[in-house]
Amino acid sequence: TKLRVSVLPLRIQTGRHGRNYIPRNTRYCLCCRSLDIEDEFHCICISYYFSELRRKYIKRFYYTNPSFVKYHLLLRSNNKAELVNLCKFI
């Protein structure tokens, strides 16, 4: 549910409030130290920090050559096992 309503504690969300404000284009991922914005797509499909969990819970199709199209396919999946595994990953 938190993923769907964008309230996960990711920098894309936490960096936009009050004294913790960080410009949107500089809310980089602190886990993998890349210059990618830390958002849901990055954490689920790209971040090196989560690669072991990703391999364990998410089908290879979704994270090899990642794209927003594949990400949306994963979120819209009707396959109960895929959704349960996505929940475990999160």
PDB file of N, CA and C in Angstrom:
ATOM      1  N   THR A   1       0.831  -1.189   0.000  1.00  0.00           N
ATOM      2  CA  THR A   1       0.000   0.000   0.000  1.00  0.00           C
ATOM      3  C   THR A   1       0.875   1.251   0.000  1.00  0.00           C
ATOM      4  N   LYS A   2       1.933   1.239   0.801  1.00  0.00           N
ATOM      5  CA  LYS A   2       2.811   2.415   0.857  1.00  0.00           C
ATOM      6  C   LYS A   2       3.442   2.716  -0.491  1.00  0.00           C
ATOM      7  N   LEU A   3       3.777   1.667  -1.240  1.00  0.00           N
ATOM      8  CA  LEU A   3       4.340   1.871  -2.575  1.00  0.00           C
ATOM      9  C   LEU A   3       3.317   2.542  -3.476  1.00  0.00           C
ATOM     10  N   ARG A   4       2.104   2.065  -3.447  1.00  0.00           N
ATOM     11  CA  ARG A   4       1.054   2.583  -4.336  1.00  0.00           C
ATOM     12  C   ARG A   4       0.704   4.043  -4.046  1.00  0.00           C
ATOM     13  N   VAL A   5       0.779   4.446  -2.783  1.00  0.00           N
ATOM     14  CA  VAL A   5       0.412   5.826  -2.447  1.00  0.00           C
ATOM     15  C   VAL A   5       1.638   6.722  -2.229  1.00  0.00           C
ATOM     16  N   SER A   6       2.810   6.210  -2.571  1.00  0.00           N
ATOM     17  CA  SER A   6       4.072   6.977  -2.524  1.00  0.00           C
ATOM     18  C   SER A   6       4.382   7.557  -1.147  1.00  0.00           C
ATOM     19  N   VAL A   7       4.339   6.724  -0.120  1.00  0.00           N
ATOM     20  CA  VAL A   7       4.721   7.178   1.214  1.00  0.00           C
ATOM     21  C   VAL A   7       5.862   6.341   1.802  1.00  0.00           C
ATOM     22  N   LEU A   8       6.590   5.635   0.961  1.00  0.00           N
ATOM     23  CA  LEU A   8       7.767   4.923   1.441  1.00  0.00           C
ATOM     24  C   LEU A   8       8.827   5.944   1.843  1.00  0.00           C
ATOM     25  N   PRO A   9       9.674   5.621   2.816  1.00  0.00           N
ATOM     26  CA  PRO A   9      10.687   6.587   3.257  1.00  0.00           C
ATOM     27  C   PRO A   9      11.852   6.694   2.277  1.00  0.00           C
ATOM     28  N   LEU A  10      11.562   7.142   1.080  1.00  0.00           N
ATOM     29  CA  LEU A  10      12.576   7.324   0.052  1.00  0.00           C
ATOM     30  C   LEU A  10      12.883   8.808  -0.074  1.00  0.00           C
ATOM     31  N   ARG A  11      14.078   9.123  -0.515  1.00  0.00           N
ATOM     32  CA  ARG A  11      14.495  10.534  -0.589  1.00  0.00           C
ATOM     33  C   ARG A  11      13.623  11.361  -1.516  1.00  0.00           C
ATOM     34  N   ILE A  12      13.008  10.735  -2.506  1.00  0.00           N
ATOM     35  CA  ILE A  12      12.121  11.492  -3.392  1.00  0.00           C
ATOM     36  C   ILE A  12      10.964  12.087  -2.589  1.00  0.00           C
ATOM     37  N   GLN A  13      10.577  11.405  -1.499  1.00  0.00           N
ATOM     38  CA  GLN A  13       9.492  11.888  -0.638  1.00  0.00           C
ATOM     39  C   GLN A  13      10.017  12.678   0.562  1.00  0.00           C
ATOM     40  N   THR A  14      11.004  12.119   1.260  1.00  0.00           N
ATOM     41  CA  THR A  14      11.470  12.750   2.500  1.00  0.00           C
ATOM     42  C   THR A  14      12.234  14.045   2.263  1.00  0.00           C
ATOM     43  N   GLY A  15      12.790  14.222   1.066  1.00  0.00           N
ATOM     44  CA  GLY A  15      13.580  15.412   0.779  1.00  0.00           C
ATOM     45  C   GLY A  15      12.767  16.619   0.375  1.00  0.00           C
ATOM     46  N   ARG A  16      11.455  16.537   0.445  1.00  0.00           N
ATOM     47  CA  ARG A  16      10.653  17.668  -0.029  1.00  0.00           C
ATOM     48  C   ARG A  16       9.989  18.468   1.081  1.00  0.00           C
ATOM     49  N   HIS A  17      10.321  18.183   2.338  1.00  0.00           N
ATOM     50  CA  HIS A  17       9.636  18.838   3.447  1.00  0.00           C
ATOM     51  C   HIS A  17      10.556  19.742   4.261  1.00  0.00           C
ATOM     52  N   GLY A  18      10.063  20.906   4.587  1.00  0.00           N
ATOM     53  CA  GLY A  18      10.654  21.857   5.529  1.00  0.00           C
ATOM     54  C   GLY A  18      12.153  21.984   5.525  1.00  0.00           C
ATOM     55  N   ARG A  19      12.744  21.817   6.696  1.00  0.00           N
ATOM     56  CA  ARG A  19      14.191  22.013   6.830  1.00  0.00           C
ATOM     57  C   ARG A  19      14.998  20.890   6.184  1.00  0.00           C
ATOM     58  N   ASN A  20      14.350  19.768   5.874  1.00  0.00           N
ATOM     59  CA  ASN A  20      15.020  18.661   5.193  1.00  0.00           C
ATOM     60  C   ASN A  20      14.931  18.793   3.677  1.00  0.00           C
ATOM     61  N   TYR A  21      14.482  19.934   3.193  1.00  0.00           N
ATOM     62  CA  TYR A  21      14.265  20.116   1.756  1.00  0.00           C
ATOM     63  C   TYR A  21      15.558  19.943   0.963  1.00  0.00           C
ATOM     64  N   ILE A  22      15.448  19.129  -0.074  1.00  0.00           N
ATOM     65  CA  ILE A  22      16.539  18.899  -1.023  1.00  0.00           C
ATOM     66  C   ILE A  22      15.931  19.082  -2.410  1.00  0.00           C
ATOM     67  N   PRO A  23      16.541  19.834  -3.291  1.00  0.00           N
ATOM     68  CA  PRO A  23      15.989  19.975  -4.647  1.00  0.00           C
ATOM     69  C   PRO A  23      15.752  18.608  -5.285  1.00  0.00           C
ATOM     70  N   ARG A  24      14.649  18.471  -5.970  1.00  0.00           N
ATOM     71  CA  ARG A  24      14.228  17.184  -6.530  1.00  0.00           C
ATOM     72  C   ARG A  24      15.321  16.513  -7.358  1.00  0.00           C
ATOM     73  N   ASN A  25      16.029  17.268  -8.154  1.00  0.00           N
ATOM     74  CA  ASN A  25      17.039  16.680  -9.032  1.00  0.00           C
ATOM     75  C   ASN A  25      18.322  16.273  -8.313  1.00  0.00           C
ATOM     76  N   THR A  26      18.416  16.489  -6.996  1.00  0.00           N
ATOM     77  CA  THR A  26      19.591  16.064  -6.236  1.00  0.00           C
ATOM     78  C   THR A  26      19.242  15.114  -5.097  1.00  0.00           C
ATOM     79  N   ARG A  27      18.104  14.492  -5.149  1.00  0.00           N
ATOM     80  CA  ARG A  27      17.709  13.518  -4.116  1.00  0.00           C
ATOM     81  C   ARG A  27      18.242  12.139  -4.492  1.00  0.00           C
ATOM     82  N   TYR A  28      19.565  12.026  -4.489  1.00  0.00           N
ATOM     83  CA  TYR A  28      20.243  10.822  -4.934  1.00  0.00           C
ATOM     84  C   TYR A  28      20.115   9.688  -3.924  1.00  0.00           C
ATOM     85  N   CYS A  29      20.261   8.477  -4.431  1.00  0.00           N
ATOM     86  CA  CYS A  29      20.209   7.281  -3.599  1.00  0.00           C
ATOM     87  C   CYS A  29      21.443   7.224  -2.704  1.00  0.00           C
ATOM     88  N   LEU A  30      21.230   7.120  -1.411  1.00  0.00           N
ATOM     89  CA  LEU A  30      22.339   7.035  -0.467  1.00  0.00           C
ATOM     90  C   LEU A  30      22.783   5.594  -0.251  1.00  0.00           C
ATOM     91  N   CYS A  31      21.942   4.647  -0.631  1.00  0.00           N
ATOM     92  CA  CYS A  31      22.267   3.231  -0.434  1.00  0.00           C
ATOM     93  C   CYS A  31      23.326   2.744  -1.408  1.00  0.00           C
ATOM     94  N   CYS A  32      23.167   3.069  -2.672  1.00  0.00           N
ATOM     95  CA  CYS A  32      24.108   2.558  -3.675  1.00  0.00           C
ATOM     96  C   CYS A  32      25.076   3.634  -4.151  1.00  0.00           C
ATOM     97  N   ARG A  33      24.951   4.834  -3.624  1.00  0.00           N
ATOM     98  CA  ARG A  33      25.858   5.941  -3.939  1.00  0.00           C
ATOM     99  C   ARG A  33      25.912   6.263  -5.426  1.00  0.00           C
ATOM    100  N   SER A  34      24.819   6.021  -6.113  1.00  0.00           N
ATOM    101  CA  SER A  34      24.766   6.376  -7.533  1.00  0.00           C
ATOM    102  C   SER A  34      24.201   7.784  -7.662  1.00  0.00           C
ATOM    103  N   LEU A  35      24.247   8.314  -8.827  1.00  0.00           N
ATOM    104  CA  LEU A  35      23.671   9.637  -9.071  1.00  0.00           C
ATOM    105  C   LEU A  35      22.264   9.503  -9.650  1.00  0.00           C
ATOM    106  N   ASP A  36      21.559   8.462  -9.221  1.00  0.00           N
ATOM    107  CA  ASP A  36      20.164   8.267  -9.607  1.00  0.00           C
ATOM    108  C   ASP A  36      19.271   8.775  -8.486  1.00  0.00           C
ATOM    109  N   ILE A  37      18.137   9.316  -8.862  1.00  0.00           N
ATOM    110  CA  ILE A  37      17.160   9.780  -7.877  1.00  0.00           C
ATOM    111  C   ILE A  37      16.582   8.571  -7.153  1.00  0.00           C
ATOM    112  N   GLU A  38      16.535   8.635  -5.825  1.00  0.00           N
ATOM    113  CA  GLU A  38      16.012   7.523  -5.048  1.00  0.00           C
ATOM    114  C   GLU A  38      14.486   7.590  -5.041  1.00  0.00           C
ATOM    115  N   ASP A  39      13.886   6.851  -5.948  1.00  0.00           N
ATOM    116  CA  ASP A  39      12.437   6.739  -6.000  1.00  0.00           C
ATOM    117  C   ASP A  39      12.072   5.257  -6.059  1.00  0.00           C
ATOM    118  N   GLU A  40      10.798   4.960  -6.189  1.00  0.00           N
ATOM    119  CA  GLU A  40      10.326   3.585  -6.177  1.00  0.00           C
ATOM    120  C   GLU A  40      10.943   2.778  -7.314  1.00  0.00           C
ATOM    121  N   PHE A  41      10.952   3.341  -8.507  1.00  0.00           N
ATOM    122  CA  PHE A  41      11.516   2.650  -9.667  1.00  0.00           C
ATOM    123  C   PHE A  41      12.983   2.312  -9.438  1.00  0.00           C
ATOM    124  N   HIS A  42      13.747   3.264  -8.956  1.00  0.00           N
ATOM    125  CA  HIS A  42      15.179   3.038  -8.727  1.00  0.00           C
ATOM    126  C   HIS A  42      15.399   1.896  -7.732  1.00  0.00           C
ATOM    127  N   CYS A  43      14.680   1.920  -6.618  1.00  0.00           N
ATOM    128  CA  CYS A  43      14.889   0.906  -5.581  1.00  0.00           C
ATOM    129  C   CYS A  43      14.460  -0.489  -6.033  1.00  0.00           C
ATOM    130  N   ILE A  44      13.374  -0.577  -6.758  1.00  0.00           N
ATOM    131  CA  ILE A  44      12.867  -1.884  -7.175  1.00  0.00           C
ATOM    132  C   ILE A  44      13.624  -2.440  -8.372  1.00  0.00           C
ATOM    133  N   CYS A  45      14.024  -1.620  -9.303  1.00  0.00           N
ATOM    134  CA  CYS A  45      14.586  -2.124 -10.560  1.00  0.00           C
ATOM    135  C   CYS A  45      16.070  -1.877 -10.774  1.00  0.00           C
ATOM    136  N   ILE A  46      16.680  -0.920 -10.087  1.00  0.00           N
ATOM    137  CA  ILE A  46      18.035  -0.512 -10.454  1.00  0.00           C
ATOM    138  C   ILE A  46      19.064  -0.622  -9.328  1.00  0.00           C
ATOM    139  N   SER A  47      18.762  -0.159  -8.144  1.00  0.00           N
ATOM    140  CA  SER A  47      19.747   0.009  -7.076  1.00  0.00           C
ATOM    141  C   SER A  47      20.569  -1.251  -6.802  1.00  0.00           C
ATOM    142  N   TYR A  48      21.898  -1.090  -6.820  1.00  0.00           N
ATOM    143  CA  TYR A  48      22.798  -2.209  -6.533  1.00  0.00           C
ATOM    144  C   TYR A  48      22.648  -2.695  -5.099  1.00  0.00           C
ATOM    145  N   TYR A  49      22.267  -1.822  -4.224  1.00  0.00           N
ATOM    146  CA  TYR A  49      22.131  -2.162  -2.807  1.00  0.00           C
ATOM    147  C   TYR A  49      21.103  -3.269  -2.592  1.00  0.00           C
ATOM    148  N   PHE A  50      20.071  -3.297  -3.408  1.00  0.00           N
ATOM    149  CA  PHE A  50      18.996  -4.270  -3.254  1.00  0.00           C
ATOM    150  C   PHE A  50      19.082  -5.424  -4.243  1.00  0.00           C
ATOM    151  N   SER A  51      20.220  -5.618  -4.883  1.00  0.00           N
ATOM    152  CA  SER A  51      20.314  -6.614  -5.954  1.00  0.00           C
ATOM    153  C   SER A  51      20.069  -8.046  -5.471  1.00  0.00           C
ATOM    154  N   GLU A  52      20.556  -8.410  -4.281  1.00  0.00           N
ATOM    155  CA  GLU A  52      20.325  -9.768  -3.775  1.00  0.00           C
ATOM    156  C   GLU A  52      18.842 -10.007  -3.510  1.00  0.00           C
ATOM    157  N   LEU A  53      18.204  -9.058  -2.860  1.00  0.00           N
ATOM    158  CA  LEU A  53      16.764  -9.189  -2.617  1.00  0.00           C
ATOM    159  C   LEU A  53      15.979  -9.219  -3.914  1.00  0.00           C
ATOM    160  N   ARG A  54      16.405  -8.402  -4.845  1.00  0.00           N
ATOM    161  CA  ARG A  54      15.731  -8.341  -6.141  1.00  0.00           C
ATOM    162  C   ARG A  54      15.795  -9.705  -6.826  1.00  0.00           C
ATOM    163  N   ARG A  55      16.972 -10.322  -6.854  1.00  0.00           N
ATOM    164  CA  ARG A  55      17.120 -11.640  -7.481  1.00  0.00           C
ATOM    165  C   ARG A  55      16.269 -12.689  -6.784  1.00  0.00           C
ATOM    166  N   LYS A  56      16.115 -12.553  -5.478  1.00  0.00           N
ATOM    167  CA  LYS A  56      15.352 -13.525  -4.693  1.00  0.00           C
ATOM    168  C   LYS A  56      13.850 -13.404  -4.937  1.00  0.00           C
ATOM    169  N   TYR A  57      13.340 -12.184  -5.054  1.00  0.00           N
ATOM    170  CA  TYR A  57      11.894 -11.991  -5.059  1.00  0.00           C
ATOM    171  C   TYR A  57      11.274 -11.535  -6.379  1.00  0.00           C
ATOM    172  N   ILE A  58      12.052 -10.985  -7.280  1.00  0.00           N
ATOM    173  CA  ILE A  58      11.467 -10.417  -8.501  1.00  0.00           C
ATOM    174  C   ILE A  58      12.001 -11.154  -9.723  1.00  0.00           C
ATOM    175  N   LYS A  59      11.123 -11.436 -10.656  1.00  0.00           N
ATOM    176  CA  LYS A  59      11.539 -12.137 -11.878  1.00  0.00           C
ATOM    177  C   LYS A  59      12.574 -11.318 -12.627  1.00  0.00           C
ATOM    178  N   ARG A  60      13.507 -12.032 -13.198  1.00  0.00           N
ATOM    179  CA  ARG A  60      14.624 -11.415 -13.924  1.00  0.00           C
ATOM    180  C   ARG A  60      14.144 -10.467 -15.026  1.00  0.00           C
ATOM    181  N   PHE A  61      13.051 -10.785 -15.660  1.00  0.00           N
ATOM    182  CA  PHE A  61      12.503  -9.960 -16.739  1.00  0.00           C
ATOM    183  C   PHE A  61      12.368  -8.495 -16.327  1.00  0.00           C
ATOM    184  N   TYR A  62      11.940  -8.246 -15.093  1.00  0.00           N
ATOM    185  CA  TYR A  62      11.634  -6.890 -14.653  1.00  0.00           C
ATOM    186  C   TYR A  62      12.864  -6.036 -14.370  1.00  0.00           C
ATOM    187  N   TYR A  63      13.983  -6.660 -14.015  1.00  0.00           N
ATOM    188  CA  TYR A  63      15.144  -5.839 -13.672  1.00  0.00           C
ATOM    189  C   TYR A  63      16.308  -5.939 -14.661  1.00  0.00           C
ATOM    190  N   THR A  64      16.221  -6.794 -15.674  1.00  0.00           N
ATOM    191  CA  THR A  64      17.240  -6.757 -16.717  1.00  0.00           C
ATOM    192  C   THR A  64      16.800  -5.727 -17.748  1.00  0.00           C
ATOM    193  N   ASN A  65      17.688  -4.836 -18.106  1.00  0.00           N
ATOM    194  CA  ASN A  65      17.343  -3.694 -18.968  1.00  0.00           C
ATOM    195  C   ASN A  65      16.088  -3.000 -18.436  1.00  0.00           C
ATOM    196  N   PRO A  66      16.158  -2.493 -17.206  1.00  0.00           N
ATOM    197  CA  PRO A  66      14.961  -1.928 -16.574  1.00  0.00           C
ATOM    198  C   PRO A  66      14.388  -0.739 -17.337  1.00  0.00           C
ATOM    199  N   SER A  67      13.079  -0.658 -17.299  1.00  0.00           N
ATOM    200  CA  SER A  67      12.382   0.465 -17.927  1.00  0.00           C
ATOM    201  C   SER A  67      11.102   0.719 -17.145  1.00  0.00           C
ATOM    202  N   PHE A  68      10.539   1.904 -17.356  1.00  0.00           N
ATOM    203  CA  PHE A  68       9.281   2.217 -16.685  1.00  0.00           C
ATOM    204  C   PHE A  68       8.161   1.310 -17.168  1.00  0.00           C
ATOM    205  N   VAL A  69       8.246   0.857 -18.400  1.00  0.00           N
ATOM    206  CA  VAL A  69       7.221  -0.045 -18.936  1.00  0.00           C
ATOM    207  C   VAL A  69       7.222  -1.346 -18.142  1.00  0.00           C
ATOM    208  N   LYS A  70       8.392  -1.928 -17.920  1.00  0.00           N
ATOM    209  CA  LYS A  70       8.487  -3.161 -17.144  1.00  0.00           C
ATOM    210  C   LYS A  70       8.060  -2.927 -15.695  1.00  0.00           C
ATOM    211  N   TYR A  71       8.451  -1.799 -15.149  1.00  0.00           N
ATOM    212  CA  TYR A  71       8.073  -1.452 -13.774  1.00  0.00           C
ATOM    213  C   TYR A  71       6.555  -1.388 -13.645  1.00  0.00           C
ATOM    214  N   HIS A  72       5.900  -0.754 -14.585  1.00  0.00           N
ATOM    215  CA  HIS A  72       4.444  -0.658 -14.544  1.00  0.00           C
ATOM    216  C   HIS A  72       3.785  -2.015 -14.781  1.00  0.00           C
ATOM    217  N   LEU A  73       4.395  -2.848 -15.611  1.00  0.00           N
ATOM    218  CA  LEU A  73       3.883  -4.203 -15.787  1.00  0.00           C
ATOM    219  C   LEU A  73       3.930  -4.971 -14.471  1.00  0.00           C
ATOM    220  N   LEU A  74       4.999  -4.812 -13.737  1.00  0.00           N
ATOM    221  CA  LEU A  74       5.116  -5.476 -12.437  1.00  0.00           C
ATOM    222  C   LEU A  74       4.046  -4.978 -11.477  1.00  0.00           C
ATOM    223  N   LEU A  75       3.861  -3.679 -11.407  1.00  0.00           N
ATOM    224  CA  LEU A  75       2.862  -3.127 -10.481  1.00  0.00           C
ATOM    225  C   LEU A  75       1.441  -3.495 -10.873  1.00  0.00           C
ATOM    226  N   ARG A  76       1.180  -3.653 -12.156  1.00  0.00           N
ATOM    227  CA  ARG A  76      -0.166  -3.982 -12.632  1.00  0.00           C
ATOM    228  C   ARG A  76      -0.403  -5.477 -12.768  1.00  0.00           C
ATOM    229  N   SER A  77       0.551  -6.283 -12.376  1.00  0.00           N
ATOM    230  CA  SER A  77       0.455  -7.727 -12.546  1.00  0.00           C
ATOM    231  C   SER A  77      -0.792  -8.289 -11.855  1.00  0.00           C
ATOM    232  N   ASN A  78      -1.387  -9.277 -12.480  1.00  0.00           N
ATOM    233  CA  ASN A  78      -2.508 -10.006 -11.880  1.00  0.00           C
ATOM    234  C   ASN A  78      -2.040 -11.317 -11.271  1.00  0.00           C
ATOM    235  N   ASN A  79      -0.752 -11.587 -11.397  1.00  0.00           N
ATOM    236  CA  ASN A  79      -0.171 -12.816 -10.869  1.00  0.00           C
ATOM    237  C   ASN A  79       0.031 -12.650  -9.362  1.00  0.00           C
ATOM    238  N   LYS A  80      -0.709 -13.431  -8.592  1.00  0.00           N
ATOM    239  CA  LYS A  80      -0.672 -13.297  -7.131  1.00  0.00           C
ATOM    240  C   LYS A  80       0.732 -13.559  -6.579  1.00  0.00           C
ATOM    241  N   ALA A  81       1.430 -14.552  -7.114  1.00  0.00           N
ATOM    242  CA  ALA A  81       2.775 -14.878  -6.629  1.00  0.00           C
ATOM    243  C   ALA A  81       3.740 -13.715  -6.862  1.00  0.00           C
ATOM    244  N   GLU A  82       3.657 -13.067  -8.023  1.00  0.00           N
ATOM    245  CA  GLU A  82       4.519 -11.915  -8.303  1.00  0.00           C
ATOM    246  C   GLU A  82       4.242 -10.774  -7.335  1.00  0.00           C
ATOM    247  N   LEU A  83       2.976 -10.535  -7.049  1.00  0.00           N
ATOM    248  CA  LEU A  83       2.623  -9.443  -6.129  1.00  0.00           C
ATOM    249  C   LEU A  83       3.048  -9.755  -4.693  1.00  0.00           C
ATOM    250  N   VAL A  84       2.894 -10.994  -4.281  1.00  0.00           N
ATOM    251  CA  VAL A  84       3.329 -11.401  -2.927  1.00  0.00           C
ATOM    252  C   VAL A  84       4.842 -11.228  -2.813  1.00  0.00           C
ATOM    253  N   ASN A  85       5.569 -11.646  -3.850  1.00  0.00           N
ATOM    254  CA  ASN A  85       7.027 -11.490  -3.832  1.00  0.00           C
ATOM    255  C   ASN A  85       7.450 -10.018  -3.849  1.00  0.00           C
ATOM    256  N   LEU A  86       6.712  -9.196  -4.576  1.00  0.00           N
ATOM    257  CA  LEU A  86       6.995  -7.760  -4.569  1.00  0.00           C
ATOM    258  C   LEU A  86       6.804  -7.197  -3.160  1.00  0.00           C
ATOM    259  N   CYS A  87       5.764  -7.619  -2.489  1.00  0.00           N
ATOM    260  CA  CYS A  87       5.518  -7.180  -1.102  1.00  0.00           C
ATOM    261  C   CYS A  87       6.662  -7.635  -0.178  1.00  0.00           C
ATOM    262  N   LYS A  88       7.124  -8.847  -0.351  1.00  0.00           N
ATOM    263  CA  LYS A  88       8.238  -9.337   0.454  1.00  0.00           C
ATOM    264  C   LYS A  88       9.498  -8.514   0.178  1.00  0.00           C
ATOM    265  N   PHE A  89       9.727  -8.179  -1.072  1.00  0.00           N
ATOM    266  CA  PHE A  89      10.879  -7.361  -1.440  1.00  0.00           C
ATOM    267  C   PHE A  89      10.817  -6.002  -0.758  1.00  0.00           C
ATOM    268  N   ILE A  90       9.657  -5.386  -0.792  1.00  0.00           N
ATOM    269  CA  ILE A  90       9.490  -4.064  -0.198  1.00  0.00           C
ATOM    270  C   ILE A  90       9.623  -4.136   1.306  1.00  0.00           C
TER     271      ILE A  90
END
